[in-house]
Amino acid sequence: MRKIIVLSFITLDGVMQAPGGPEEDTSGNFEYGGWVAPFFDEEAGKLMAKQMYPADLLLGRKTFDIFAGYWPQHTDEWPSVNEVNKYVLSNTLTHSDWQNSEFLKNADDIKNLKNSDGRDLQVHGSGELIQLLLKHDLVDELWLKIHPITLGKGKKLFSTGAIPISFTLTESSVTPTGVIFANYKRSGEVRTGTVG
């Protein structure tokens, strides 16, 4: 069985939309694209490179389009990106010229993929896909990069669909610019009680 690992850049108020650049995702009149840039430093670069080990990718269609337009020509930054399998949840795409790309239609296809043999599946971006994964309890780990900024609006990591699940912190680092890299592993159902 494969692990599904969600990697996400988020703000303190949970926004994950368009971290990389102004034109990345302007839906909903989002005007703050590129909000990670002021916090990117050498330490963040090293920590991010460590997370980009050879794993297969599970992507939503919009993120796949962005990745397919950029990464095939930038393998110096992500050496394994062309060789790994790219699984794309899409109701419209059925083919891509980007090597090793396969297309999935629904949550059952993702469950079958998760239950197959192979490398871990990393989810980058893909806000709608993440909501589907959370709703169906398919997320094994969250690798969050929490930035010291609030935006007030934009697509959020936990906007809908999450079910009560507890996670255990497995690794953490803080960069000089205040970005918290926090990796969480699913640990079980939520338990309630009283304090004291």
C-alpha atoms as a PDB file:
ATOM      1  CA  MET A   1       0.000   0.000   0.000  1.00  0.00           C
ATOM      2  CA  ARG A   2       1.232   3.462  -0.870  1.00  0.00           C
ATOM      3  CA  LYS A   3       1.171   6.500   1.418  1.00  0.00           C
ATOM      4  CA  ILE A   4      -0.541   9.671   0.215  1.00  0.00           C
ATOM      5  CA  ILE A   5       1.423  12.695   1.405  1.00  0.00           C
ATOM      6  CA  VAL A   6      -0.001  16.207   1.036  1.00  0.00           C
ATOM      7  CA  LEU A   7       2.685  18.894   0.712  1.00  0.00           C
ATOM      8  CA  SER A   8       1.315  22.395   1.027  1.00  0.00           C
ATOM      9  CA  PHE A   9       2.468  25.979   1.420  1.00  0.00           C
ATOM     10  CA  ILE A  10      -0.031  27.670   3.733  1.00  0.00           C
ATOM     11  CA  THR A  11      -0.490  30.987   5.506  1.00  0.00           C
ATOM     12  CA  LEU A  12      -1.297  31.283   9.202  1.00  0.00           C
ATOM     13  CA  ASP A  13      -4.973  31.533   8.256  1.00  0.00           C
ATOM     14  CA  GLY A  14      -4.779  28.409   6.092  1.00  0.00           C
ATOM     15  CA  VAL A  15      -4.675  29.936   2.601  1.00  0.00           C
ATOM     16  CA  MET A  16      -2.889  27.745   0.053  1.00  0.00           C
ATOM     17  CA  GLN A  17      -3.826  29.550  -3.162  1.00  0.00           C
ATOM     18  CA  ALA A  18      -1.156  30.689  -5.636  1.00  0.00           C
ATOM     19  CA  PRO A  19       1.938  30.614  -3.419  1.00  0.00           C
ATOM     20  CA  GLY A  20       4.343  30.618  -6.353  1.00  0.00           C
ATOM     21  CA  GLY A  21       3.405  33.623  -8.459  1.00  0.00           C
ATOM     22  CA  PRO A  22       0.854  36.326  -9.328  1.00  0.00           C
ATOM     23  CA  GLU A  23      -0.595  34.467 -12.338  1.00  0.00           C
ATOM     24  CA  GLU A  24      -0.586  30.983 -10.780  1.00  0.00           C
ATOM     25  CA  ASP A  25      -4.263  30.984  -9.712  1.00  0.00           C
ATOM     26  CA  THR A  26      -6.284  34.193  -9.832  1.00  0.00           C
ATOM     27  CA  SER A  27      -9.698  32.519  -9.451  1.00  0.00           C
ATOM     28  CA  GLY A  28     -12.063  34.305  -7.079  1.00  0.00           C
ATOM     29  CA  ASN A  29     -10.192  37.553  -7.890  1.00  0.00           C
ATOM     30  CA  PHE A  30      -7.265  36.383  -5.775  1.00  0.00           C
ATOM     31  CA  GLU A  31      -4.624  39.106  -5.924  1.00  0.00           C
ATOM     32  CA  TYR A  32      -1.920  37.879  -3.548  1.00  0.00           C
ATOM     33  CA  GLY A  33      -0.203  35.280  -5.750  1.00  0.00           C
ATOM     34  CA  GLY A  34       3.470  34.785  -4.982  1.00  0.00           C
ATOM     35  CA  TRP A  35       3.107  35.314  -1.239  1.00  0.00           C
ATOM     36  CA  VAL A  36       5.906  32.834  -0.386  1.00  0.00           C
ATOM     37  CA  ALA A  37       8.628  34.862  -2.145  1.00  0.00           C
ATOM     38  CA  PRO A  38       9.451  37.239   0.746  1.00  0.00           C
ATOM     39  CA  PHE A  39      10.035  34.250   3.035  1.00  0.00           C
ATOM     40  CA  PHE A  40      12.122  32.093   0.705  1.00  0.00           C
ATOM     41  CA  ASP A  41      15.707  31.727   1.870  1.00  0.00           C
ATOM     42  CA  GLU A  42      18.553  29.242   1.565  1.00  0.00           C
ATOM     43  CA  GLU A  43      17.316  27.160   4.487  1.00  0.00           C
ATOM     44  CA  ALA A  44      13.814  26.879   2.985  1.00  0.00           C
ATOM     45  CA  GLY A  45      15.368  25.819  -0.312  1.00  0.00           C
ATOM     46  CA  LYS A  46      17.335  23.031   1.363  1.00  0.00           C
ATOM     47  CA  LEU A  47      14.307  21.780   3.288  1.00  0.00           C
ATOM     48  CA  MET A  48      12.140  21.813   0.168  1.00  0.00           C
ATOM     49  CA  ALA A  49      14.774  19.951  -1.864  1.00  0.00           C
ATOM     50  CA  LYS A  50      14.829  17.252   0.824  1.00  0.00           C
ATOM     51  CA  GLN A  51      11.064  16.773   0.402  1.00  0.00           C
ATOM     52  CA  MET A  52      11.300  16.322  -3.371  1.00  0.00           C
ATOM     53  CA  TYR A  53      12.681  12.776  -3.268  1.00  0.00           C
ATOM     54  CA  PRO A  54      11.585  10.348  -5.994  1.00  0.00           C
ATOM     55  CA  ALA A  55       7.920   9.752  -5.204  1.00  0.00           C
ATOM     56  CA  ASP A  56       5.061   9.464  -7.654  1.00  0.00           C
ATOM     57  CA  LEU A  57       2.801  12.498  -7.996  1.00  0.00           C
ATOM     58  CA  LEU A  58      -0.956  12.655  -7.485  1.00  0.00           C
ATOM     59  CA  LEU A  59      -2.248  15.933  -8.883  1.00  0.00           C
ATOM     60  CA  GLY A  60      -5.434  17.791  -9.701  1.00  0.00           C
ATOM     61  CA  ARG A  61      -5.886  18.917 -13.289  1.00  0.00           C
ATOM     62  CA  LYS A  62      -5.072  22.612 -12.732  1.00  0.00           C
ATOM     63  CA  THR A  63      -1.872  21.833 -10.849  1.00  0.00           C
ATOM     64  CA  PHE A  64      -0.947  19.237 -13.475  1.00  0.00           C
ATOM     65  CA  ASP A  65      -1.327  21.876 -16.212  1.00  0.00           C
ATOM     66  CA  ILE A  66       0.954  24.259 -14.282  1.00  0.00           C
ATOM     67  CA  PHE A  67       3.522  21.522 -13.591  1.00  0.00           C
ATOM     68  CA  ALA A  68       3.479  20.197 -17.180  1.00  0.00           C
ATOM     69  CA  GLY A  69       4.142  23.692 -18.476  1.00  0.00           C
ATOM     70  CA  TYR A  70       7.142  24.252 -16.208  1.00  0.00           C
ATOM     71  CA  TRP A  71       8.859  21.190 -14.723  1.00  0.00           C
ATOM     72  CA  PRO A  72       9.814  19.179 -17.840  1.00  0.00           C
ATOM     73  CA  GLN A  73      12.282  21.962 -18.720  1.00  0.00           C
ATOM     74  CA  HIS A  74      13.527  22.519 -15.140  1.00  0.00           C
ATOM     75  CA  THR A  75      14.831  19.136 -14.055  1.00  0.00           C
ATOM     76  CA  ASP A  76      17.926  20.800 -12.580  1.00  0.00           C
ATOM     77  CA  GLU A  77      15.606  21.923  -9.743  1.00  0.00           C
ATOM     78  CA  TRP A  78      13.722  18.589  -9.494  1.00  0.00           C
ATOM     79  CA  PRO A  79      15.803  15.842 -11.157  1.00  0.00           C
ATOM     80  CA  SER A  80      13.273  12.996 -10.864  1.00  0.00           C
ATOM     81  CA  VAL A  81      10.145  14.868 -11.977  1.00  0.00           C
ATOM     82  CA  ASN A  82      10.065  13.554 -15.551  1.00  0.00           C
ATOM     83  CA  GLU A  83      10.741   9.931 -14.609  1.00  0.00           C
ATOM     84  CA  VAL A  84       8.210   9.506 -11.793  1.00  0.00           C
ATOM     85  CA  ASN A  85       4.594   8.561 -12.507  1.00  0.00           C
ATOM     86  CA  LYS A  86       2.142  11.439 -12.608  1.00  0.00           C
ATOM     87  CA  TYR A  87      -1.444  10.464 -11.683  1.00  0.00           C
ATOM     88  CA  VAL A  88      -3.974  13.176 -12.512  1.00  0.00           C
ATOM     89  CA  LEU A  89      -7.565  13.431 -11.293  1.00  0.00           C
ATOM     90  CA  SER A  90      -9.492  14.904 -14.206  1.00  0.00           C
ATOM     91  CA  ASN A  91     -12.865  14.598 -15.898  1.00  0.00           C
ATOM     92  CA  THR A  92     -11.580  16.358 -19.018  1.00  0.00           C
ATOM     93  CA  LEU A  93      -7.997  15.223 -19.685  1.00  0.00           C
ATOM     94  CA  THR A  94      -7.206  11.753 -20.966  1.00  0.00           C
ATOM     95  CA  HIS A  95      -3.762  12.277 -22.528  1.00  0.00           C
ATOM     96  CA  SER A  96      -0.607  14.317 -22.074  1.00  0.00           C
ATOM     97  CA  ASP A  97       2.729  14.559 -23.864  1.00  0.00           C
ATOM     98  CA  TRP A  98       4.463  14.649 -20.467  1.00  0.00           C
ATOM     99  CA  GLN A  99       5.927  11.204 -19.988  1.00  0.00           C
ATOM    100  CA  ASN A 100       4.521   8.798 -17.395  1.00  0.00           C
ATOM    101  CA  SER A 101       1.186  10.602 -17.022  1.00  0.00           C
ATOM    102  CA  GLU A 102      -1.979   8.638 -16.222  1.00  0.00           C
ATOM    103  CA  PHE A 103      -5.483   9.920 -15.621  1.00  0.00           C
ATOM    104  CA  LEU A 104      -7.956   9.032 -12.867  1.00  0.00           C
ATOM    105  CA  LYS A 105     -11.673   9.781 -12.766  1.00  0.00           C
ATOM    106  CA  ASN A 106     -12.808   9.536  -9.132  1.00  0.00           C
ATOM    107  CA  ALA A 107     -12.106   8.662  -5.495  1.00  0.00           C
ATOM    108  CA  ASP A 108     -12.409   4.928  -6.212  1.00  0.00           C
ATOM    109  CA  ASP A 109      -9.588   5.189  -8.770  1.00  0.00           C
ATOM    110  CA  ILE A 110      -7.468   6.919  -6.113  1.00  0.00           C
ATOM    111  CA  LYS A 111      -8.291   4.220  -3.532  1.00  0.00           C
ATOM    112  CA  ASN A 112      -7.242   1.525  -6.016  1.00  0.00           C
ATOM    113  CA  LEU A 113      -4.006   3.395  -6.711  1.00  0.00           C
ATOM    114  CA  LYS A 114      -3.313   3.817  -2.981  1.00  0.00           C
ATOM    115  CA  ASN A 115      -3.831   0.079  -2.451  1.00  0.00           C
ATOM    116  CA  SER A 116      -1.418  -0.857  -5.242  1.00  0.00           C
ATOM    117  CA  ASP A 117       2.311  -1.468  -4.996  1.00  0.00           C
ATOM    118  CA  GLY A 118       4.627   1.414  -5.756  1.00  0.00           C
ATOM    119  CA  ARG A 119       6.229   4.577  -4.455  1.00  0.00           C
ATOM    120  CA  ASP A 120       4.596   7.052  -2.103  1.00  0.00           C
ATOM    121  CA  LEU A 121       2.197   9.515  -3.738  1.00  0.00           C
ATOM    122  CA  GLN A 122       2.922  13.200  -3.167  1.00  0.00           C
ATOM    123  CA  VAL A 123       0.168  15.778  -3.645  1.00  0.00           C
ATOM    124  CA  HIS A 124       1.380  19.301  -4.462  1.00  0.00           C
ATOM    125  CA  GLY A 125      -1.058  22.209  -4.853  1.00  0.00           C
ATOM    126  CA  SER A 126      -4.298  20.583  -6.042  1.00  0.00           C
ATOM    127  CA  GLY A 127      -6.729  22.223  -3.599  1.00  0.00           C
ATOM    128  CA  GLU A 128      -9.875  20.481  -4.865  1.00  0.00           C
ATOM    129  CA  LEU A 129      -8.139  17.103  -4.939  1.00  0.00           C
ATOM    130  CA  ILE A 130      -6.981  17.595  -1.334  1.00  0.00           C
ATOM    131  CA  GLN A 131     -10.582  18.265  -0.251  1.00  0.00           C
ATOM    132  CA  LEU A 132     -11.627  14.971  -1.884  1.00  0.00           C
ATOM    133  CA  LEU A 133      -8.759  13.082  -0.212  1.00  0.00           C
ATOM    134  CA  LEU A 134      -9.622  14.517   3.209  1.00  0.00           C
ATOM    135  CA  LYS A 135     -13.320  13.722   2.773  1.00  0.00           C
ATOM    136  CA  HIS A 136     -12.516  10.075   1.967  1.00  0.00           C
ATOM    137  CA  ASP A 137      -9.842   9.710   4.693  1.00  0.00           C
ATOM    138  CA  LEU A 138      -7.060   9.022   2.190  1.00  0.00           C
ATOM    139  CA  VAL A 139      -4.347  11.336   3.573  1.00  0.00           C
ATOM    140  CA  ASP A 140      -1.562   9.567   5.468  1.00  0.00           C
ATOM    141  CA  GLU A 141       0.759  12.538   6.044  1.00  0.00           C
ATOM    142  CA  LEU A 142       0.676  16.336   5.854  1.00  0.00           C
ATOM    143  CA  TRP A 143       3.946  18.141   5.110  1.00  0.00           C
ATOM    144  CA  LEU A 144       3.101  21.778   5.743  1.00  0.00           C
ATOM    145  CA  LYS A 145       5.166  24.890   5.171  1.00  0.00           C
ATOM    146  CA  ILE A 146       3.441  27.448   7.392  1.00  0.00           C
ATOM    147  CA  HIS A 147       4.291  31.044   6.487  1.00  0.00           C
ATOM    148  CA  PRO A 148       4.053  33.955   8.949  1.00  0.00           C
ATOM    149  CA  ILE A 149       1.435  35.868   6.985  1.00  0.00           C
ATOM    150  CA  THR A 150      -2.359  36.124   6.859  1.00  0.00           C
ATOM    151  CA  LEU A 151      -4.254  36.914   3.658  1.00  0.00           C
ATOM    152  CA  GLY A 152      -7.863  36.875   4.794  1.00  0.00           C
ATOM    153  CA  LYS A 153      -9.160  35.308   1.582  1.00  0.00           C
ATOM    154  CA  GLY A 154      -8.259  32.600  -0.881  1.00  0.00           C
ATOM    155  CA  LYS A 155      -8.537  28.845  -1.197  1.00  0.00           C
ATOM    156  CA  LYS A 156      -7.831  27.161   2.123  1.00  0.00           C
ATOM    157  CA  LEU A 157      -6.253  23.833   2.909  1.00  0.00           C
ATOM    158  CA  PHE A 158      -9.130  22.759   5.163  1.00  0.00           C
ATOM    159  CA  SER A 159     -12.057  24.506   3.520  1.00  0.00           C
ATOM    160  CA  THR A 160     -14.457  21.545   3.307  1.00  0.00           C
ATOM    161  CA  GLY A 161     -14.491  17.804   3.530  1.00  0.00           C
ATOM    162  CA  ALA A 162     -12.071  17.132   6.400  1.00  0.00           C
ATOM    163  CA  ILE A 163     -13.190  14.513   8.885  1.00  0.00           C
ATOM    164  CA  PRO A 164     -12.053  14.382  12.536  1.00  0.00           C
ATOM    165  CA  ILE A 165      -8.587  12.762  12.481  1.00  0.00           C
ATOM    166  CA  SER A 166      -5.588  13.222  14.762  1.00  0.00           C
ATOM    167  CA  PHE A 167      -2.017  13.577  13.533  1.00  0.00           C
ATOM    168  CA  THR A 168       1.380  13.228  15.206  1.00  0.00           C
ATOM    169  CA  LEU A 169       4.209  15.665  14.527  1.00  0.00           C
ATOM    170  CA  THR A 170       7.120  13.635  13.108  1.00  0.00           C
ATOM    171  CA  GLU A 171       9.549  16.375  12.046  1.00  0.00           C
ATOM    172  CA  SER A 172       9.780  20.150  12.274  1.00  0.00           C
ATOM    173  CA  SER A 173      12.126  23.015  11.440  1.00  0.00           C
ATOM    174  CA  VAL A 174      11.906  26.794  11.472  1.00  0.00           C
ATOM    175  CA  THR A 175      13.694  28.899   8.868  1.00  0.00           C
ATOM    176  CA  PRO A 176      15.346  32.269   9.657  1.00  0.00           C
ATOM    177  CA  THR A 177      12.382  34.006   7.962  1.00  0.00           C
ATOM    178  CA  GLY A 178       9.907  32.263  10.288  1.00  0.00           C
ATOM    179  CA  VAL A 179       8.531  29.539   8.002  1.00  0.00           C
ATOM    180  CA  ILE A 180       7.610  26.428   9.978  1.00  0.00           C
ATOM    181  CA  PHE A 181       8.190  23.149   8.165  1.00  0.00           C
ATOM    182  CA  ALA A 182       5.979  20.655   9.999  1.00  0.00           C
ATOM    183  CA  ASN A 183       5.445  17.040   8.968  1.00  0.00           C
ATOM    184  CA  TYR A 184       2.467  15.226  10.460  1.00  0.00           C
ATOM    185  CA  LYS A 185       1.552  11.545  10.279  1.00  0.00           C
ATOM    186  CA  ARG A 186      -2.009  10.291  10.687  1.00  0.00           C
ATOM    187  CA  SER A 187      -2.281   8.737  14.127  1.00  0.00           C
ATOM    188  CA  GLY A 188      -5.939   7.857  14.582  1.00  0.00           C
ATOM    189  CA  GLU A 189      -9.408   9.010  15.415  1.00  0.00           C
ATOM    190  CA  VAL A 190     -10.033  12.140  17.432  1.00  0.00           C
ATOM    191  CA  ARG A 191     -10.441  11.505  21.154  1.00  0.00           C
ATOM    192  CA  THR A 192     -12.268  13.935  23.400  1.00  0.00           C
ATOM    193  CA  GLY A 193     -12.282  14.403  27.128  1.00  0.00           C
ATOM    194  CA  THR A 194     -11.888  16.979  29.820  1.00  0.00           C
ATOM    195  CA  VAL A 195      -8.858  18.957  30.873  1.00  0.00           C
ATOM    196  CA  GLY A 196      -7.615  18.725  34.423  1.00  0.00           C
END
